[in-house]
C-alpha atoms as a PDB file:
ATOM      1  CA  MET A   1     111.063 267.937 -35.133  1.00  0.00           C
ATOM      2  CA  LEU A   2     110.745 266.361 -31.683  1.00  0.00           C
ATOM      3  CA  PRO A   3     107.856 266.742 -29.256  1.00  0.00           C
ATOM      4  CA  ILE A   4     108.505 268.876 -26.205  1.00  0.00           C
ATOM      5  CA  LYS A   5     109.808 266.632 -23.454  1.00  0.00           C
ATOM      6  CA  LYS A   6     108.834 268.883 -20.554  1.00  0.00           C
ATOM      7  CA  TRP A   7     105.414 268.732 -18.891  1.00  0.00           C
ATOM      8  CA  SER A   8     104.363 271.325 -21.439  1.00  0.00           C
ATOM      9  CA  VAL A   9     100.660 270.565 -21.106  1.00  0.00           C
ATOM     10  CA  LEU A  10     100.782 272.981 -18.168  1.00  0.00           C
ATOM     11  CA  LEU A  11     100.924 275.703 -20.807  1.00  0.00           C
ATOM     12  CA  LEU A  12      98.950 274.056 -23.560  1.00  0.00           C
ATOM     13  CA  SER A  13      95.949 276.393 -23.196  1.00  0.00           C
ATOM     14  CA  PHE A  14      98.196 279.361 -23.902  1.00  0.00           C
ATOM     15  CA  ALA A  15      99.974 277.498 -26.686  1.00  0.00           C
ATOM     16  CA  LEU A  16      96.684 276.611 -28.339  1.00  0.00           C
ATOM     17  CA  ALA A  17      95.295 280.125 -28.117  1.00  0.00           C
ATOM     18  CA  THR A  18      98.368 281.796 -29.565  1.00  0.00           C
ATOM     19  CA  SER A  19      98.967 279.173 -32.232  1.00  0.00           C
ATOM     20  CA  VAL A  20      95.476 278.935 -33.634  1.00  0.00           C
ATOM     21  CA  LEU A  21      94.839 282.664 -33.478  1.00  0.00           C
ATOM     22  CA  THR A  22      98.080 283.309 -35.298  1.00  0.00           C
ATOM     23  CA  ALA A  23      97.067 280.752 -37.909  1.00  0.00           C
ATOM     24  CA  CYS A  24      93.747 282.476 -38.438  1.00  0.00           C
ATOM     25  CA  GLN A  25      95.398 285.862 -38.876  1.00  0.00           C
ATOM     26  CA  THR A  26      97.887 284.707 -41.513  1.00  0.00           C
ATOM     27  CA  GLY A  27      97.697 286.695 -44.752  1.00  0.00           C
ATOM     28  CA  ASP A  28      96.314 285.224 -47.962  1.00  0.00           C
ATOM     29  CA  ASP A  29      99.752 285.062 -49.569  1.00  0.00           C
ATOM     30  CA  GLU A  30     101.193 283.170 -46.615  1.00  0.00           C
ATOM     31  CA  LYS A  31      98.243 280.786 -46.624  1.00  0.00           C
ATOM     32  CA  ALA A  32      98.761 280.049 -50.292  1.00  0.00           C
ATOM     33  CA  LYS A  33     102.463 279.471 -49.735  1.00  0.00           C
ATOM     34  CA  ALA A  34     101.812 277.172 -46.773  1.00  0.00           C
ATOM     35  CA  LYS A  35      99.231 275.219 -48.774  1.00  0.00           C
ATOM     36  CA  GLU A  36     101.683 274.773 -51.650  1.00  0.00           C
ATOM     37  CA  GLU A  37     104.432 273.581 -49.299  1.00  0.00           C
ATOM     38  CA  THR A  38     102.276 271.094 -47.395  1.00  0.00           C
ATOM     39  CA  SER A  39     100.781 269.662 -50.563  1.00  0.00           C
ATOM     40  CA  GLN A  40     104.187 268.219 -51.401  1.00  0.00           C
ATOM     41  CA  ASN A  41     104.181 265.944 -48.347  1.00  0.00           C
ATOM     42  CA  GLU A  42     101.957 262.980 -47.580  1.00  0.00           C
ATOM     43  CA  PRO A  43     100.188 262.578 -45.269  1.00  0.00           C
ATOM     44  CA  GLN A  44      99.459 266.225 -44.531  1.00  0.00           C
ATOM     45  CA  PRO A  45      97.252 268.224 -42.176  1.00  0.00           C
ATOM     46  CA  GLY A  46      93.803 268.467 -43.718  1.00  0.00           C
ATOM     47  CA  ASN A  47      92.216 271.849 -44.273  1.00  0.00           C
ATOM     48  CA  SER A  48      89.129 273.214 -45.952  1.00  0.00           C
ATOM     49  CA  GLU A  49      87.272 276.508 -46.169  1.00  0.00           C
ATOM     50  CA  GLU A  50      84.938 275.253 -43.442  1.00  0.00           C
ATOM     51  CA  ASN A  51      87.839 273.951 -41.372  1.00  0.00           C
ATOM     52  CA  PRO A  52      90.937 276.181 -41.737  1.00  0.00           C
ATOM     53  CA  LEU A  53      92.850 274.819 -38.737  1.00  0.00           C
ATOM     54  CA  PRO A  54      95.353 271.964 -39.191  1.00  0.00           C
ATOM     55  CA  ILE A  55      94.071 268.400 -39.051  1.00  0.00           C
ATOM     56  CA  VAL A  56      96.704 265.736 -38.540  1.00  0.00           C
ATOM     57  CA  LYS A  57      95.774 262.455 -40.206  1.00  0.00           C
ATOM     58  CA  VAL A  58      97.350 259.896 -37.897  1.00  0.00           C
ATOM     59  CA  ASP A  59      98.128 256.749 -39.869  1.00  0.00           C
ATOM     60  CA  LEU A  60     100.662 254.392 -38.332  1.00  0.00           C
ATOM     61  CA  GLY A  61     100.264 251.825 -41.091  1.00  0.00           C
ATOM     62  CA  MET A  62      99.333 249.242 -38.450  1.00  0.00           C
ATOM     63  CA  LYS A  63      96.183 247.333 -37.477  1.00  0.00           C
ATOM     64  CA  PRO A  64      94.504 248.656 -34.315  1.00  0.00           C
ATOM     65  CA  ASP A  65      95.305 245.517 -32.304  1.00  0.00           C
ATOM     66  CA  GLU A  66      98.966 245.375 -33.344  1.00  0.00           C
ATOM     67  CA  THR A  67     101.496 246.048 -30.594  1.00  0.00           C
ATOM     68  CA  VAL A  68     103.325 249.369 -30.682  1.00  0.00           C
ATOM     69  CA  ALA A  69     105.137 248.885 -27.384  1.00  0.00           C
ATOM     70  CA  LYS A  70     105.461 246.523 -24.456  1.00  0.00           C
ATOM     71  CA  TYR A  71     106.109 248.168 -21.132  1.00  0.00           C
ATOM     72  CA  GLU A  72     106.273 247.144 -17.510  1.00  0.00           C
ATOM     73  CA  GLY A  73     102.767 245.977 -16.669  1.00  0.00           C
ATOM     74  CA  GLY A  74     101.108 246.470 -20.012  1.00  0.00           C
ATOM     75  CA  THR A  75     100.960 246.737 -23.791  1.00  0.00           C
ATOM     76  CA  LEU A  76     100.316 249.764 -26.000  1.00  0.00           C
ATOM     77  CA  THR A  77      98.352 248.923 -29.125  1.00  0.00           C
ATOM     78  CA  ALA A  78      98.341 250.860 -32.383  1.00  0.00           C
ATOM     79  CA  GLY A  79      94.698 251.812 -31.761  1.00  0.00           C
ATOM     80  CA  GLN A  80      95.471 253.227 -28.318  1.00  0.00           C
ATOM     81  CA  PHE A  81      98.507 255.069 -29.617  1.00  0.00           C
ATOM     82  CA  LYS A  82      96.555 256.536 -32.536  1.00  0.00           C
ATOM     83  CA  ASP A  83      93.922 257.879 -30.115  1.00  0.00           C
ATOM     84  CA  TYR A  84      96.657 259.395 -27.946  1.00  0.00           C
ATOM     85  CA  LEU A  85      98.367 261.076 -30.898  1.00  0.00           C
ATOM     86  CA  GLU A  86      95.084 262.498 -32.208  1.00  0.00           C
ATOM     87  CA  ILE A  87      94.355 264.095 -28.841  1.00  0.00           C
ATOM     88  CA  GLN A  88      97.888 265.469 -28.632  1.00  0.00           C
ATOM     89  CA  ALA A  89      97.489 266.990 -32.092  1.00  0.00           C
ATOM     90  CA  PHE A  90      94.172 268.588 -31.104  1.00  0.00           C
ATOM     91  CA  VAL A  91      95.330 270.186 -27.845  1.00  0.00           C
ATOM     92  CA  ASN A  92      98.914 270.986 -28.800  1.00  0.00           C
ATOM     93  CA  PRO A  93      99.576 272.291 -32.330  1.00  0.00           C
ATOM     94  CA  GLN A  94     103.346 271.954 -31.879  1.00  0.00           C
ATOM     95  CA  ALA A  95     102.928 268.271 -31.092  1.00  0.00           C
ATOM     96  CA  GLY A  96     100.697 267.993 -34.165  1.00  0.00           C
ATOM     97  CA  LEU A  97     103.520 269.189 -36.392  1.00  0.00           C
ATOM     98  CA  ALA A  98     105.858 266.542 -34.982  1.00  0.00           C
ATOM     99  CA  ILE A  99     103.239 263.827 -35.397  1.00  0.00           C
ATOM    100  CA  ASN A 100     102.544 264.870 -38.975  1.00  0.00           C
ATOM    101  CA  GLU A 101     106.209 264.425 -39.911  1.00  0.00           C
ATOM    102  CA  LYS A 102     106.059 260.754 -38.808  1.00  0.00           C
ATOM    103  CA  ASP A 103     109.608 261.022 -37.539  1.00  0.00           C
ATOM    104  CA  LEU A 104     110.503 257.725 -35.869  1.00  0.00           C
ATOM    105  CA  GLU A 105     112.430 259.328 -33.024  1.00  0.00           C
ATOM    106  CA  ALA A 106     109.555 261.712 -32.351  1.00  0.00           C
ATOM    107  CA  LEU A 107     107.026 258.849 -32.251  1.00  0.00           C
ATOM    108  CA  LYS A 108     109.239 256.935 -29.827  1.00  0.00           C
ATOM    109  CA  LEU A 109     109.246 259.963 -27.541  1.00  0.00           C
ATOM    110  CA  PHE A 110     105.447 259.989 -27.692  1.00  0.00           C
ATOM    111  CA  VAL A 111     105.490 256.320 -26.677  1.00  0.00           C
ATOM    112  CA  ASP A 112     107.629 257.279 -23.680  1.00  0.00           C
ATOM    113  CA  SER A 113     105.269 260.137 -22.847  1.00  0.00           C
ATOM    114  CA  TYR A 114     102.254 257.819 -22.962  1.00  0.00           C
ATOM    115  CA  VAL A 115     103.873 255.238 -20.683  1.00  0.00           C
ATOM    116  CA  GLY A 116     105.356 257.812 -18.317  1.00  0.00           C
ATOM    117  CA  GLU A 117     102.097 259.691 -17.892  1.00  0.00           C
ATOM    118  CA  LEU A 118     100.204 256.433 -17.361  1.00  0.00           C
ATOM    119  CA  LYS A 119     102.621 255.333 -14.632  1.00  0.00           C
ATOM    120  CA  MET A 120     102.703 258.724 -12.910  1.00  0.00           C
ATOM    121  CA  ALA A 121      98.901 258.867 -12.945  1.00  0.00           C
ATOM    122  CA  GLU A 122      98.814 255.509 -11.167  1.00  0.00           C
ATOM    123  CA  LYS A 123     100.982 256.956  -8.385  1.00  0.00           C
ATOM    124  CA  ALA A 124      98.775 260.013  -7.795  1.00  0.00           C
ATOM    125  CA  PRO A 125      97.129 260.392  -4.376  1.00  0.00           C
ATOM    126  CA  GLU A 126      93.434 259.591  -4.420  1.00  0.00           C
ATOM    127  CA  SER A 127      91.150 262.588  -4.855  1.00  0.00           C
ATOM    128  CA  SER A 128      87.654 263.368  -6.079  1.00  0.00           C
ATOM    129  CA  ASP A 129      88.911 266.550  -7.768  1.00  0.00           C
ATOM    130  CA  TYR A 130      90.432 264.969 -10.875  1.00  0.00           C
ATOM    131  CA  LYS A 131      87.170 264.547 -12.780  1.00  0.00           C
ATOM    132  CA  LYS A 132      86.116 268.163 -12.325  1.00  0.00           C
ATOM    133  CA  GLY A 133      89.640 269.356 -13.148  1.00  0.00           C
ATOM    134  CA  GLY A 134      89.657 267.371 -16.380  1.00  0.00           C
ATOM    135  CA  GLU A 135      86.242 268.664 -17.367  1.00  0.00           C
ATOM    136  CA  ASP A 136      87.276 272.267 -16.645  1.00  0.00           C
ATOM    137  CA  ILE A 137      90.384 272.084 -18.847  1.00  0.00           C
ATOM    138  CA  THR A 138      88.396 270.453 -21.634  1.00  0.00           C
ATOM    139  CA  GLY A 139      85.861 273.271 -21.409  1.00  0.00           C
ATOM    140  CA  ARG A 140      88.579 275.916 -21.684  1.00  0.00           C
ATOM    141  CA  ILE A 141      90.156 274.234 -24.706  1.00  0.00           C
ATOM    142  CA  LEU A 142      86.818 274.013 -26.506  1.00  0.00           C
ATOM    143  CA  GLU A 143      86.008 277.625 -25.634  1.00  0.00           C
ATOM    144  CA  GLN A 144      89.279 278.685 -27.240  1.00  0.00           C
ATOM    145  CA  TYR A 145      88.408 276.787 -30.412  1.00  0.00           C
ATOM    146  CA  LYS A 146      84.941 278.325 -30.309  1.00  0.00           C
ATOM    147  CA  MET A 147      86.495 281.803 -30.060  1.00  0.00           C
ATOM    148  CA  VAL A 148      88.654 281.073 -33.119  1.00  0.00           C
ATOM    149  CA  TYR A 149      85.547 280.025 -35.053  1.00  0.00           C
ATOM    150  CA  GLY A 150      83.619 283.155 -34.074  1.00  0.00           C
ATOM    151  CA  GLY A 151      81.377 281.326 -31.619  1.00  0.00           C
ATOM    152  CA  ASP A 152      80.262 278.645 -34.102  1.00  0.00           C
ATOM    153  CA  GLU A 153      79.967 275.430 -32.062  1.00  0.00           C
ATOM    154  CA  LYS A 154      79.223 273.339 -35.145  1.00  0.00           C
ATOM    155  CA  LYS A 155      82.607 274.214 -36.606  1.00  0.00           C
ATOM    156  CA  VAL A 156      84.285 273.203 -33.353  1.00  0.00           C
ATOM    157  CA  GLU A 157      82.399 269.902 -33.483  1.00  0.00           C
ATOM    158  CA  GLN A 158      83.566 269.434 -37.073  1.00  0.00           C
ATOM    159  CA  GLN A 159      87.155 270.165 -36.032  1.00  0.00           C
ATOM    160  CA  MET A 160      86.938 267.458 -33.368  1.00  0.00           C
ATOM    161  CA  LYS A 161      85.310 265.001 -35.761  1.00  0.00           C
ATOM    162  CA  ASP A 162      87.945 265.610 -38.450  1.00  0.00           C
ATOM    163  CA  GLN A 163      90.727 265.159 -35.896  1.00  0.00           C
ATOM    164  CA  GLY A 164      89.118 261.989 -34.570  1.00  0.00           C
ATOM    165  CA  VAL A 165      88.562 263.073 -30.975  1.00  0.00           C
ATOM    166  CA  THR A 166      85.484 263.241 -28.788  1.00  0.00           C
ATOM    167  CA  LYS A 167      84.682 265.382 -25.781  1.00  0.00           C
ATOM    168  CA  GLU A 168      84.724 262.291 -23.583  1.00  0.00           C
ATOM    169  CA  GLU A 169      88.198 261.340 -24.809  1.00  0.00           C
ATOM    170  CA  LEU A 170      89.455 264.848 -24.090  1.00  0.00           C
ATOM    171  CA  GLN A 171      88.020 264.712 -20.575  1.00  0.00           C
ATOM    172  CA  ASP A 172      89.676 261.343 -19.911  1.00  0.00           C
ATOM    173  CA  PHE A 173      92.969 262.720 -21.243  1.00  0.00           C
ATOM    174  CA  PHE A 174      92.822 265.706 -18.903  1.00  0.00           C
ATOM    175  CA  ILE A 175      91.661 263.667 -15.919  1.00  0.00           C
ATOM    176  CA  ARG A 176      94.849 261.665 -16.354  1.00  0.00           C
ATOM    177  CA  TYR A 177      96.764 264.922 -16.756  1.00  0.00           C
ATOM    178  CA  LYS A 178      95.378 266.160 -13.419  1.00  0.00           C
ATOM    179  CA  ARG A 179      96.495 262.918 -11.800  1.00  0.00           C
ATOM    180  CA  VAL A 180      99.987 263.317 -13.249  1.00  0.00           C
ATOM    181  CA  GLU A 181     100.109 266.909 -12.054  1.00  0.00           C
ATOM    182  CA  ALA A 182      99.041 265.817  -8.564  1.00  0.00           C
ATOM    183  CA  TYR A 183     101.743 263.141  -8.446  1.00  0.00           C
ATOM    184  CA  LEU A 184     104.427 265.617  -9.552  1.00  0.00           C
ATOM    185  CA  ARG A 185     103.249 268.197  -7.027  1.00  0.00           C
ATOM    186  CA  SER A 186     103.505 265.563  -4.319  1.00  0.00           C
ATOM    187  CA  GLN A 187     107.185 265.197  -5.208  1.00  0.00           C
ATOM    188  CA  THR A 188     107.885 268.878  -4.474  1.00  0.00           C
ATOM    189  CA  SER A 189     108.281 270.386  -1.017  1.00  0.00           C
ATOM    190  CA  ASP A 190     108.351 273.922   0.355  1.00  0.00           C
ATOM    191  CA  GLU A 191     111.889 273.206   1.514  1.00  0.00           C
ATOM    192  CA  ASP A 192     112.945 272.522  -2.084  1.00  0.00           C
ATOM    193  CA  LEU A 193     111.196 275.682  -3.235  1.00  0.00           C
ATOM    194  CA  LYS A 194     112.822 277.833  -0.555  1.00  0.00           C
ATOM    195  CA  LYS A 195     116.233 276.498  -1.502  1.00  0.00           C
ATOM    196  CA  GLN A 196     115.591 277.378  -5.134  1.00  0.00           C
ATOM    197  CA  TYR A 197     114.298 280.800  -4.071  1.00  0.00           C
ATOM    198  CA  GLU A 198     117.456 281.577  -2.079  1.00  0.00           C
ATOM    199  CA  GLU A 199     119.655 280.575  -5.003  1.00  0.00           C
ATOM    200  CA  MET A 200     117.721 282.870  -7.339  1.00  0.00           C
ATOM    201  CA  LYS A 201     117.855 285.677  -4.780  1.00  0.00           C
ATOM    202  CA  LYS A 202     121.617 285.312  -4.484  1.00  0.00           C
ATOM    203  CA  GLU A 203     121.946 285.541  -8.277  1.00  0.00           C
ATOM    204  CA  GLY A 204     119.784 288.676  -8.445  1.00  0.00           C
ATOM    205  CA  GLN A 205     117.014 286.994 -10.437  1.00  0.00           C
ATOM    206  CA  LEU A 206     114.159 288.326  -8.304  1.00  0.00           C
ATOM    207  CA  LYS A 207     114.661 292.072  -8.692  1.00  0.00           C
ATOM    208  CA  VAL A 208     111.747 294.090 -10.087  1.00  0.00           C
ATOM    209  CA  ALA A 209     111.412 297.779 -10.833  1.00  0.00           C
ATOM    210  CA  SER A 210     108.840 300.317 -11.965  1.00  0.00           C
ATOM    211  CA  VAL A 211     110.541 302.464 -14.600  1.00  0.00           C
ATOM    212  CA  ARG A 212     109.410 305.259 -16.888  1.00  0.00           C
ATOM    213  CA  HIS A 213     111.463 305.974 -19.961  1.00  0.00           C
ATOM    214  CA  ILE A 214     111.410 307.928 -23.183  1.00  0.00           C
ATOM    215  CA  LEU A 215     113.204 306.292 -26.089  1.00  0.00           C
ATOM    216  CA  ILE A 216     114.737 308.209 -28.974  1.00  0.00           C
ATOM    217  CA  MET A 217     115.689 305.632 -31.592  1.00  0.00           C
ATOM    218  CA  PHE A 218     118.643 305.682 -33.960  1.00  0.00           C
ATOM    219  CA  GLU A 219     116.365 304.917 -36.898  1.00  0.00           C
ATOM    220  CA  ASN A 220     116.264 307.752 -39.494  1.00  0.00           C
ATOM    221  CA  ARG A 221     118.805 309.843 -37.532  1.00  0.00           C
ATOM    222  CA  THR A 222     122.446 309.728 -36.535  1.00  0.00           C
ATOM    223  CA  PRO A 223     123.485 308.706 -32.991  1.00  0.00           C
ATOM    224  CA  GLU A 224     124.539 312.321 -32.401  1.00  0.00           C
ATOM    225  CA  GLU A 225     121.106 313.609 -33.412  1.00  0.00           C
ATOM    226  CA  ALA A 226     119.416 311.033 -31.159  1.00  0.00           C
ATOM    227  CA  LYS A 227     121.638 312.035 -28.230  1.00  0.00           C
ATOM    228  CA  LYS A 228     120.843 315.725 -28.746  1.00  0.00           C
ATOM    229  CA  LEU A 229     117.079 315.046 -28.735  1.00  0.00           C
ATOM    230  CA  ALA A 230     117.400 312.873 -25.617  1.00  0.00           C
ATOM    231  CA  ASP A 231     119.404 315.593 -23.823  1.00  0.00           C
ATOM    232  CA  GLU A 232     116.705 318.132 -24.665  1.00  0.00           C
ATOM    233  CA  ILE A 233     113.999 315.846 -23.283  1.00  0.00           C
ATOM    234  CA  ALA A 234     115.975 315.198 -20.088  1.00  0.00           C
ATOM    235  CA  ASP A 235     116.375 318.965 -19.620  1.00  0.00           C
ATOM    236  CA  ARG A 236     112.635 319.575 -20.083  1.00  0.00           C
ATOM    237  CA  LEU A 237     111.835 316.878 -17.509  1.00  0.00           C
ATOM    238  CA  ARG A 238     114.250 318.359 -14.973  1.00  0.00           C
ATOM    239  CA  LYS A 239     112.507 321.691 -15.420  1.00  0.00           C
ATOM    240  CA  GLY A 240     109.260 320.077 -14.305  1.00  0.00           C
ATOM    241  CA  GLU A 241     107.391 318.866 -17.395  1.00  0.00           C
ATOM    242  CA  ASP A 242     105.152 315.858 -16.841  1.00  0.00           C
ATOM    243  CA  PHE A 243     107.017 312.637 -17.663  1.00  0.00           C
ATOM    244  CA  ALA A 244     103.938 310.650 -18.672  1.00  0.00           C
ATOM    245  CA  GLN A 245     102.676 313.336 -21.026  1.00  0.00           C
ATOM    246  CA  LEU A 246     106.077 313.879 -22.620  1.00  0.00           C
ATOM    247  CA  ALA A 247     106.495 310.127 -23.075  1.00  0.00           C
ATOM    248  CA  LYS A 248     103.195 309.963 -24.953  1.00  0.00           C
ATOM    249  CA  GLU A 249     104.348 312.786 -27.205  1.00  0.00           C
ATOM    250  CA  LYS A 250     108.012 311.943 -27.773  1.00  0.00           C
ATOM    251  CA  SER A 251     108.824 308.324 -26.913  1.00  0.00           C
ATOM    252  CA  GLU A 252     109.428 305.924 -29.801  1.00  0.00           C
ATOM    253  CA  ASP A 253     108.891 302.797 -27.724  1.00  0.00           C
ATOM    254  CA  PRO A 254     105.510 301.379 -28.863  1.00  0.00           C
ATOM    255  CA  GLY A 255     105.421 299.069 -25.838  1.00  0.00           C
ATOM    256  CA  SER A 256     105.225 301.851 -23.256  1.00  0.00           C
ATOM    257  CA  LYS A 257     104.559 305.275 -24.789  1.00  0.00           C
ATOM    258  CA  ASP A 258     100.771 305.019 -24.535  1.00  0.00           C
ATOM    259  CA  ASN A 259     101.214 304.109 -20.866  1.00  0.00           C
ATOM    260  CA  GLY A 260     103.229 307.231 -20.176  1.00  0.00           C
ATOM    261  CA  GLY A 261     106.506 305.364 -20.687  1.00  0.00           C
ATOM    262  CA  LEU A 262     105.856 303.118 -17.693  1.00  0.00           C
ATOM    263  CA  TYR A 263     106.946 299.517 -17.188  1.00  0.00           C
ATOM    264  CA  GLU A 264     105.461 298.669 -13.803  1.00  0.00           C
ATOM    265  CA  ASP A 265     106.895 295.999 -11.457  1.00  0.00           C
ATOM    266  CA  TYR A 266     108.903 294.567 -14.325  1.00  0.00           C
ATOM    267  CA  ASP A 267     111.500 291.807 -14.039  1.00  0.00           C
ATOM    268  CA  VAL A 268     114.760 293.698 -14.602  1.00  0.00           C
ATOM    269  CA  ASN A 269     116.361 290.571 -16.069  1.00  0.00           C
ATOM    270  CA  MET A 270     114.123 290.982 -19.112  1.00  0.00           C
ATOM    271  CA  TRP A 271     115.872 294.228 -20.081  1.00  0.00           C
ATOM    272  CA  VAL A 272     119.084 294.742 -22.058  1.00  0.00           C
ATOM    273  CA  PRO A 273     122.185 295.118 -19.815  1.00  0.00           C
ATOM    274  CA  GLU A 274     122.498 298.920 -20.020  1.00  0.00           C
ATOM    275  CA  PHE A 275     118.820 299.478 -19.212  1.00  0.00           C
ATOM    276  CA  LYS A 276     118.920 296.869 -16.432  1.00  0.00           C
ATOM    277  CA  LYS A 277     121.943 298.548 -14.854  1.00  0.00           C
ATOM    278  CA  ALA A 278     120.171 301.898 -14.855  1.00  0.00           C
ATOM    279  CA  ALA A 279     117.030 300.375 -13.365  1.00  0.00           C
ATOM    280  CA  LEU A 280     119.054 298.868 -10.515  1.00  0.00           C
ATOM    281  CA  GLU A 281     121.428 301.747  -9.801  1.00  0.00           C
ATOM    282  CA  LEU A 282     119.771 305.113 -10.546  1.00  0.00           C
ATOM    283  CA  PRO A 283     118.535 307.117  -7.557  1.00  0.00           C
ATOM    284  CA  LEU A 284     114.759 306.860  -7.260  1.00  0.00           C
ATOM    285  CA  ASN A 285     112.644 309.532  -8.970  1.00  0.00           C
ATOM    286  CA  GLU A 286     115.603 311.327 -10.558  1.00  0.00           C
ATOM    287  CA  ILE A 287     115.888 312.031 -14.284  1.00  0.00           C
ATOM    288  CA  SER A 288     118.815 310.156 -15.812  1.00  0.00           C
ATOM    289  CA  ASP A 289     121.282 311.335 -18.373  1.00  0.00           C
ATOM    290  CA  PRO A 290     120.503 309.592 -21.685  1.00  0.00           C
ATOM    291  CA  VAL A 291     121.341 305.873 -21.492  1.00  0.00           C
ATOM    292  CA  LYS A 292     122.562 304.327 -24.734  1.00  0.00           C
ATOM    293  CA  THR A 293     121.443 300.862 -25.849  1.00  0.00           C
ATOM    294  CA  ASP A 294     121.257 299.163 -29.239  1.00  0.00           C
ATOM    295  CA  TYR A 295     117.774 300.656 -29.623  1.00  0.00           C
ATOM    296  CA  GLY A 296     118.735 304.274 -29.084  1.00  0.00           C
ATOM    297  CA  TYR A 297     118.948 306.712 -26.152  1.00  0.00           C
ATOM    298  CA  HIS A 298     116.678 306.332 -23.125  1.00  0.00           C
ATOM    299  CA  VAL A 299     115.793 309.019 -20.611  1.00  0.00           C
ATOM    300  CA  ILE A 300     114.883 307.081 -17.487  1.00  0.00           C
ATOM    301  CA  LYS A 301     113.190 307.655 -14.148  1.00  0.00           C
ATOM    302  CA  VAL A 302     113.089 304.754 -11.663  1.00  0.00           C
ATOM    303  CA  GLU A 303     109.970 305.065  -9.533  1.00  0.00           C
ATOM    304  CA  LYS A 304     110.245 301.923  -7.425  1.00  0.00           C
ATOM    305  CA  ARG A 305     112.529 298.943  -6.814  1.00  0.00           C
ATOM    306  CA  SER A 306     111.747 295.770  -4.920  1.00  0.00           C
ATOM    307  CA  GLU A 307     112.413 292.064  -4.762  1.00  0.00           C
ATOM    308  CA  ARG A 308     109.817 289.378  -5.265  1.00  0.00           C
ATOM    309  CA  SER A 309     108.981 287.587  -2.020  1.00  0.00           C
ATOM    310  CA  PHE A 310     108.883 283.834  -1.648  1.00  0.00           C
ATOM    311  CA  GLU A 311     105.087 283.912  -1.645  1.00  0.00           C
ATOM    312  CA  ASP A 312     105.112 285.988  -4.859  1.00  0.00           C
ATOM    313  CA  VAL A 313     107.036 283.347  -6.792  1.00  0.00           C
ATOM    314  CA  LYS A 314     106.209 280.168  -4.888  1.00  0.00           C
ATOM    315  CA  GLU A 315     103.775 278.709  -7.417  1.00  0.00           C
ATOM    316  CA  ALA A 316     105.941 279.700 -10.385  1.00  0.00           C
ATOM    317  CA  LEU A 317     108.880 277.945  -8.719  1.00  0.00           C
ATOM    318  CA  ARG A 318     106.708 274.918  -8.051  1.00  0.00           C
ATOM    319  CA  ASN A 319     105.743 274.727 -11.726  1.00  0.00           C
ATOM    320  CA  GLN A 320     109.424 274.880 -12.682  1.00  0.00           C
ATOM    321  CA  LEU A 321     110.166 272.108 -10.217  1.00  0.00           C
ATOM    322  CA  ILE A 322     107.267 270.054 -11.571  1.00  0.00           C
ATOM    323  CA  ASN A 323     108.863 270.266 -15.016  1.00  0.00           C
ATOM    324  CA  THR A 324     112.165 269.106 -13.513  1.00  0.00           C
ATOM    325  CA  LYS A 325     110.487 266.197 -11.702  1.00  0.00           C
ATOM    326  CA  TYR A 326     108.725 265.195 -14.919  1.00  0.00           C
ATOM    327  CA  ASP A 327     112.032 265.118 -16.795  1.00  0.00           C
ATOM    328  CA  GLU A 328     113.656 263.140 -14.001  1.00  0.00           C
ATOM    329  CA  PHE A 329     110.877 260.553 -13.993  1.00  0.00           C
ATOM    330  CA  MET A 330     111.057 260.151 -17.760  1.00  0.00           C
ATOM    331  CA  LYS A 331     114.837 259.801 -17.723  1.00  0.00           C
ATOM    332  CA  ASN A 332     115.247 257.617 -14.646  1.00  0.00           C
ATOM    333  CA  ASN A 333     112.183 255.382 -14.926  1.00  0.00           C
ATOM    334  CA  VAL A 334     110.514 255.271 -18.318  1.00  0.00           C
ATOM    335  CA  GLU A 335     113.570 254.133 -20.245  1.00  0.00           C
ATOM    336  CA  LYS A 336     113.624 251.044 -18.012  1.00  0.00           C
ATOM    337  CA  MET A 337     109.855 250.515 -18.172  1.00  0.00           C
ATOM    338  CA  VAL A 338     109.572 250.431 -21.964  1.00  0.00           C
ATOM    339  CA  LYS A 339     110.780 246.976 -23.014  1.00  0.00           C
ATOM    340  CA  GLU A 340     109.983 246.930 -26.738  1.00  0.00           C
ATOM    341  CA  VAL A 341     108.873 249.441 -29.379  1.00  0.00           C
ATOM    342  CA  HIS A 342     107.526 248.386 -32.777  1.00  0.00           C
ATOM    343  CA  LEU A 343     106.956 251.285 -35.143  1.00  0.00           C
ATOM    344  CA  PRO A 344     107.085 251.205 -38.944  1.00  0.00           C
ATOM    345  CA  GLU A 345     109.886 253.161 -40.554  1.00  0.00           C
ATOM    346  CA  LYS A 346     108.829 256.386 -42.252  1.00  0.00           C
ATOM    347  CA  PRO A 347     108.415 255.712 -45.958  1.00  0.00           C
ATOM    348  CA  LYS A 348     111.166 257.249 -48.082  1.00  0.00           C
ATOM    349  CA  GLN A 349     110.003 260.149 -50.232  1.00  0.00           C
END
């Protein structure tokens, strides 16, 4: 498993929340199975009843002052690299899995990430905002851990201690992150964003629609039976019955039935082709004939169609471009900057 090469820390708060909450909600049988599987590999994430979240024991098999890498303008020691990997494991569970495997290629990519982020941070414009930004992100991460532990700060402190990180180290990590983000943002321009916007507009990627539907699924009935039920519902709607109320009663789509069948201002590109076509082409506020998809038959009413404006998507486009600029920097610069890498081979099992 390789670490994510994109500037994925932009989403790490979301990744942490979903990953750790999912881990806490795993059933007892799955926990037992996971424990049995991980016990066959050394080293493994450490867990206990007091500390159920994964702990990655970072052991490079090197002395702290040994050289892991030489790069343009500096040297990365095993101690520095260990600290970096421990923080990565704490804030990004997916990275923790890669680190735990001790895959040589994965570790080399983490070396590149360390060097690249260091060099980009050095190029950031000067600002007094980085410290506060780093402290804010650290606070959000710790609040998420606190939520997982039911508000028990001592358990969060134990998690940090077991993982080998301190609050100060996290703040320094995120201060550097804010500097990297600032450098990457400085490499984007509104002109670039507008060009990307026009390309997406031309390809129809910015269409949104507010659609109500009632789904009659194929499950437990034949397609003919589903079609007959959908026709009956369409007829009732055309005779004036309330769409929202009928959706609550009859729709078999758990994602919208409680909301009266409504998907509001939804990106049409997220829908299956048949549903997307209906959302784009049906006359507004008319009841459709049943539309067949792999899920079943849909009775649809399109309430509104629009296109996202440049201002609506500007920051999302900028974040996409930041990811692209990060990849470009890593590919075009870091490979030349890193002169030597000295990592022990993973022991054969």
